[in-house]
Amino acid sequence: RIKDREVKKVTLVVMSGDRGLCGGYNSFIIKKSEARIKELTEQGIEVELVTVGKKCVGYFAKRDTPVLKAFDMGQAPTADEASKISDMLLASYLAGETDCVEIMYTQFVSLIASNPSVRTMLPLSPSGIEAEGDEVFQLTTKDGQFSVESESKPPAEAADFPKDMIFEQDPLQILNAILPLYINGQMLRMLQESVASELAARMQAMQAASDNAKTLKTDLSREYNRARQAAVTQQIMEIVAGASAATE
């Protein structure tokens, strides 16, 4: 059963990218993970890691915190990939091998903003599920530029079942069948948000690199022009001085 129990061990899932050249995207999530690990260990709680993405895999492979399993992030997470991770975490929790599962991922806000976040996946909080809204993102173009439109969905209200409703299966069996699907869906969403944040960060980094290259080109062209003009002026002065000396 999924229920609260005394937390003695936490499984921390860290999601980063597979590649660099995306600004501070990878370093931000790694720093936040390190801070969370330090916070938990200071409370006497054991921490183990599940790493998703080659950057955090390579980083934590050289650290003392044990890594239970490592996965690649890829550029297009699928439901099957999310299911492998969520099924492993759920089985570990139900077997009593861990008391809490937390996810460190980068929440996608917009093409110019993202937010490294931590979320408790297990144990589930019924109030958290009820109070959680949703947000739908759509990639569009406007005036030749990419933009992202977001639409916020309010939290769904709890449904009132009629008292005479008859379930063909026991409600507990239905709940046990639905919960893994819910957890898998949340895992897929966080994987997709992390990839979207990585791509947005890479777009920003490449744009900044292009702007810096253009600025450098302009500055170098200006310096070369000044040096050429100075050389031409010096040659003219030498010619004039030579001609003046010859006429005298």
Protein backbone atom coordinates (compact mmCIF):
# COMPACT_ATOMS: atom_id res chain seq x y z
CA ARG A 1 0.00 0.00 0.00
CA ILE A 2 1.05 3.59 -0.65
CA LYS A 3 1.03 5.22 2.76
CA ASP A 4 3.15 7.56 4.85
CA ARG A 5 5.83 6.04 7.02
CA GLU A 6 8.85 7.26 8.92
CA VAL A 7 11.40 8.54 6.43
CA LYS A 8 14.77 6.91 6.91
CA LYS A 9 15.79 6.65 3.27
CA VAL A 10 15.04 8.90 0.30
CA THR A 11 15.45 8.05 -3.38
CA LEU A 12 16.32 11.23 -5.26
CA VAL A 13 15.71 11.20 -9.02
CA VAL A 14 17.89 13.83 -10.76
CA MET A 15 17.04 14.85 -14.33
CA SER A 16 19.65 16.65 -16.44
CA GLY A 17 20.55 16.81 -20.13
CA ASP A 18 22.68 14.45 -22.18
CA ARG A 19 24.74 17.27 -23.74
CA GLY A 20 26.28 20.60 -22.82
CA LEU A 21 26.27 23.97 -24.60
CA CYS A 22 23.01 24.92 -22.89
CA GLY A 23 24.15 27.62 -20.49
CA GLY A 24 23.64 26.87 -16.80
CA TYR A 25 20.86 24.31 -17.33
CA ASN A 26 22.84 21.27 -16.13
CA SER A 27 24.84 23.05 -13.43
CA PHE A 28 21.71 24.58 -11.85
CA ILE A 29 19.94 21.24 -11.36
CA ILE A 30 23.15 19.58 -10.10
CA LYS A 31 23.73 22.37 -7.56
CA LYS A 32 20.12 22.12 -6.36
CA SER A 33 20.51 18.34 -6.04
CA GLU A 34 23.70 18.72 -4.04
CA ALA A 35 21.95 21.16 -1.71
CA ARG A 36 19.05 18.72 -1.23
CA ILE A 37 21.42 15.81 -0.56
CA LYS A 38 23.26 17.88 2.05
CA GLU A 39 19.97 18.90 3.67
CA LEU A 40 18.79 15.29 3.95
CA THR A 41 22.10 13.86 5.20
CA GLU A 42 22.29 16.54 7.90
CA GLN A 43 18.93 15.22 9.15
CA GLY A 44 20.37 11.71 9.34
CA ILE A 45 18.38 10.47 6.31
CA GLU A 46 20.05 8.05 3.90
CA VAL A 47 20.03 9.18 0.24
CA GLU A 48 20.35 7.14 -2.93
CA LEU A 49 20.17 8.51 -6.47
CA VAL A 50 18.52 7.60 -9.73
CA THR A 51 20.13 9.71 -12.45
CA VAL A 52 18.49 10.59 -15.76
CA GLY A 53 20.74 12.31 -18.31
CA LYS A 54 24.41 11.78 -19.10
CA LYS A 55 25.57 15.01 -17.44
CA CYS A 56 24.32 14.12 -13.96
CA VAL A 57 25.31 10.46 -14.52
CA GLY A 58 28.91 11.52 -15.13
CA TYR A 59 28.88 13.98 -12.24
CA PHE A 60 27.47 11.75 -9.51
CA ALA A 61 29.48 8.73 -10.66
CA LYS A 62 32.48 10.52 -9.10
CA ARG A 63 30.69 11.43 -5.86
CA ASP A 64 30.05 9.49 -2.64
CA THR A 65 26.25 9.36 -2.89
CA PRO A 66 25.30 5.89 -4.21
CA VAL A 67 23.57 5.71 -7.61
CA LEU A 68 20.88 3.02 -7.80
CA LYS A 69 20.40 3.23 -11.57
CA ALA A 70 21.22 5.56 -14.47
CA PHE A 71 19.13 6.39 -17.54
CA ASP A 72 19.69 8.49 -20.65
CA MET A 73 17.42 11.49 -21.17
CA GLY A 74 17.24 11.66 -24.97
CA GLN A 75 15.54 14.42 -26.93
CA ALA A 76 12.02 12.94 -27.11
CA PRO A 77 11.02 11.03 -23.95
CA THR A 78 8.39 8.36 -24.55
CA ALA A 79 5.80 6.74 -22.32
CA ASP A 80 7.80 3.49 -22.38
CA GLU A 81 10.93 5.25 -21.10
CA ALA A 82 8.94 7.00 -18.37
CA SER A 83 7.29 3.70 -17.45
CA LYS A 84 10.66 1.99 -16.92
CA ILE A 85 11.67 4.66 -14.41
CA SER A 86 8.31 5.00 -12.62
CA ASP A 87 7.77 1.22 -12.38
CA MET A 88 11.20 0.75 -10.82
CA LEU A 89 10.57 3.54 -8.29
CA LEU A 90 7.10 2.31 -7.40
CA ALA A 91 8.33 -1.28 -6.94
CA SER A 92 11.19 -0.07 -4.75
CA TYR A 93 8.78 1.97 -2.60
CA LEU A 94 6.20 -0.80 -2.23
CA ALA A 95 8.94 -3.28 -1.32
CA GLY A 96 10.03 -0.99 1.54
CA GLU A 97 13.47 -0.37 0.02
CA THR A 98 12.90 3.38 0.21
CA ASP A 99 10.55 5.57 2.25
CA CYS A 100 10.23 8.57 -0.09
CA VAL A 101 10.83 9.35 -3.76
CA GLU A 102 11.66 12.91 -4.78
CA ILE A 103 12.16 14.21 -8.32
CA MET A 104 14.65 16.97 -9.16
CA TYR A 105 13.72 18.38 -12.56
CA THR A 106 13.64 21.69 -14.44
CA GLN A 107 10.14 23.10 -14.71
CA PHE A 108 9.47 24.73 -18.08
CA VAL A 109 8.10 28.26 -17.72
CA SER A 110 8.82 29.88 -21.10
CA LEU A 111 11.50 30.02 -23.79
CA ILE A 112 13.46 32.47 -21.63
CA ALA A 113 12.72 31.12 -18.16
CA SER A 114 12.86 27.77 -16.37
CA ASN A 115 12.79 26.75 -12.73
CA PRO A 116 14.81 23.91 -11.14
CA SER A 117 12.24 22.22 -8.91
CA VAL A 118 11.85 19.34 -6.45
CA ARG A 119 8.66 17.30 -6.20
CA THR A 120 7.70 14.44 -3.93
CA MET A 121 6.31 11.61 -6.06
CA LEU A 122 5.90 8.96 -3.34
CA PRO A 123 4.12 8.78 -0.99
CA LEU A 124 1.19 10.38 -2.79
CA SER A 125 -0.70 13.19 -1.10
CA PRO A 126 -4.44 13.15 -1.89
CA SER A 127 -4.73 16.85 -1.11
CA GLY A 128 -1.82 17.58 -3.43
CA ILE A 129 -3.49 15.69 -6.27
CA GLU A 130 -6.78 17.55 -5.78
CA ALA A 131 -5.18 20.97 -5.50
CA GLU A 132 -2.88 20.59 -8.47
CA GLY A 133 -3.79 22.46 -11.63
CA ASP A 134 -2.42 21.91 -15.11
CA GLU A 135 -0.82 24.00 -17.83
CA VAL A 136 -0.89 23.41 -21.59
CA PHE A 137 1.96 24.74 -23.74
CA GLN A 138 1.78 25.34 -27.50
CA LEU A 139 4.76 26.29 -29.69
CA THR A 140 3.80 28.95 -32.26
CA THR A 141 5.43 31.50 -34.54
CA LYS A 142 4.77 35.21 -34.44
CA ASP A 143 6.44 37.74 -36.76
CA GLY A 144 8.88 35.05 -37.82
CA GLN A 145 9.94 34.30 -34.22
CA PHE A 146 9.23 31.24 -32.10
CA SER A 147 7.00 31.80 -29.11
CA VAL A 148 5.26 29.63 -26.55
CA GLU A 149 1.64 30.14 -25.58
CA SER A 150 0.52 28.69 -22.27
CA GLU A 151 -2.98 28.05 -21.01
CA SER A 152 -3.57 27.38 -17.32
CA LYS A 153 -6.16 24.83 -16.32
CA PRO A 154 -7.78 25.17 -12.88
CA PRO A 155 -7.67 22.24 -10.46
CA ALA A 156 -10.36 19.68 -11.12
CA GLU A 157 -13.08 19.55 -8.54
CA ALA A 158 -13.68 16.29 -6.72
CA ALA A 159 -16.57 14.36 -8.22
CA ASP A 160 -19.51 13.31 -6.06
CA PHE A 161 -20.46 9.70 -6.73
CA PRO A 162 -24.11 8.73 -6.34
CA LYS A 163 -24.70 6.63 -3.27
CA ASP A 164 -26.28 3.88 -5.34
CA MET A 165 -23.33 3.60 -7.77
CA ILE A 166 -22.16 0.01 -8.16
CA PHE A 167 -18.53 -0.73 -8.99
CA GLU A 168 -17.92 -3.83 -11.11
CA GLN A 169 -14.58 -4.22 -9.34
CA ASP A 170 -13.57 -3.38 -5.83
CA PRO A 171 -12.64 0.36 -5.64
CA LEU A 172 -9.27 -0.59 -4.14
CA GLN A 173 -8.48 -2.72 -7.19
CA ILE A 174 -9.45 0.13 -9.49
CA LEU A 175 -7.26 2.54 -7.52
CA ASN A 176 -4.33 0.12 -7.61
CA ALA A 177 -4.68 -0.05 -11.40
CA ILE A 178 -4.97 3.71 -11.86
CA LEU A 179 -2.15 4.87 -9.58
CA PRO A 180 0.71 3.39 -11.65
CA LEU A 181 -0.76 5.09 -14.73
CA TYR A 182 -0.94 8.40 -12.85
CA ILE A 183 2.66 8.10 -11.63
CA ASN A 184 3.82 7.17 -15.14
CA GLY A 185 2.01 10.19 -16.58
CA GLN A 186 3.61 12.53 -14.06
CA MET A 187 7.05 11.06 -14.76
CA LEU A 188 6.57 11.55 -18.51
CA ARG A 189 5.47 15.15 -17.96
CA MET A 190 8.56 15.95 -15.89
CA LEU A 191 10.84 14.31 -18.47
CA GLN A 192 9.23 16.36 -21.24
CA GLU A 193 9.44 19.59 -19.24
CA SER A 194 13.12 18.94 -18.57
CA VAL A 195 13.83 18.39 -22.27
CA ALA A 196 11.84 21.51 -23.21
CA SER A 197 13.81 23.53 -20.64
CA GLU A 198 17.08 22.15 -22.00
CA LEU A 199 16.21 23.06 -25.59
CA ALA A 200 15.10 26.55 -24.53
CA ALA A 201 18.36 27.01 -22.58
CA ARG A 202 20.35 25.83 -25.62
CA MET A 203 18.51 28.31 -27.85
CA GLN A 204 19.40 31.09 -25.42
CA ALA A 205 23.04 29.98 -25.22
CA MET A 206 23.38 29.77 -29.01
CA GLN A 207 21.70 33.16 -29.43
CA ALA A 208 24.09 34.68 -26.88
CA ALA A 209 27.05 33.05 -28.65
CA SER A 210 25.88 34.42 -32.02
CA ASP A 211 25.43 37.91 -30.55
CA ASN A 212 28.88 37.76 -28.94
CA ALA A 213 30.43 36.61 -32.23
CA LYS A 214 28.81 39.51 -34.11
CA THR A 215 30.05 41.96 -31.48
CA LEU A 216 33.54 40.48 -31.65
CA LYS A 217 33.50 40.72 -35.45
CA THR A 218 32.44 44.38 -35.29
CA ASP A 219 35.14 45.21 -32.74
CA LEU A 220 37.86 43.41 -34.70
CA SER A 221 36.79 45.08 -37.97
CA ARG A 222 36.95 48.45 -36.25
CA GLU A 223 40.43 47.72 -34.86
CA TYR A 224 41.70 46.49 -38.24
CA ASN A 225 40.26 49.57 -39.99
CA ARG A 226 41.94 51.87 -37.48
CA ALA A 227 45.26 50.07 -37.90
CA ARG A 228 44.97 50.22 -41.72
CA GLN A 229 44.05 53.89 -41.65
CA ALA A 230 46.98 54.62 -39.32
CA ALA A 231 49.34 52.74 -41.63
CA VAL A 232 48.04 54.59 -44.72
CA THR A 233 48.32 57.94 -42.92
CA GLN A 234 51.89 57.12 -41.87
CA GLN A 235 52.83 56.20 -45.44
CA ILE A 236 51.31 59.41 -46.80
CA MET A 237 53.20 61.47 -44.22
CA GLU A 238 56.45 59.72 -45.15
CA ILE A 239 55.83 60.35 -48.87
CA VAL A 240 55.01 64.00 -48.24
CA ALA A 241 58.07 64.40 -46.04
CA GLY A 242 60.26 62.74 -48.68
CA ALA A 243 58.85 64.97 -51.43
CA SER A 244 59.40 68.07 -49.32
CA ALA A 245 63.00 67.07 -48.63
CA ALA A 246 63.61 66.46 -52.37
CA THR A 247 62.31 69.89 -53.39
CA GLU A 248 64.52 71.59 -50.86
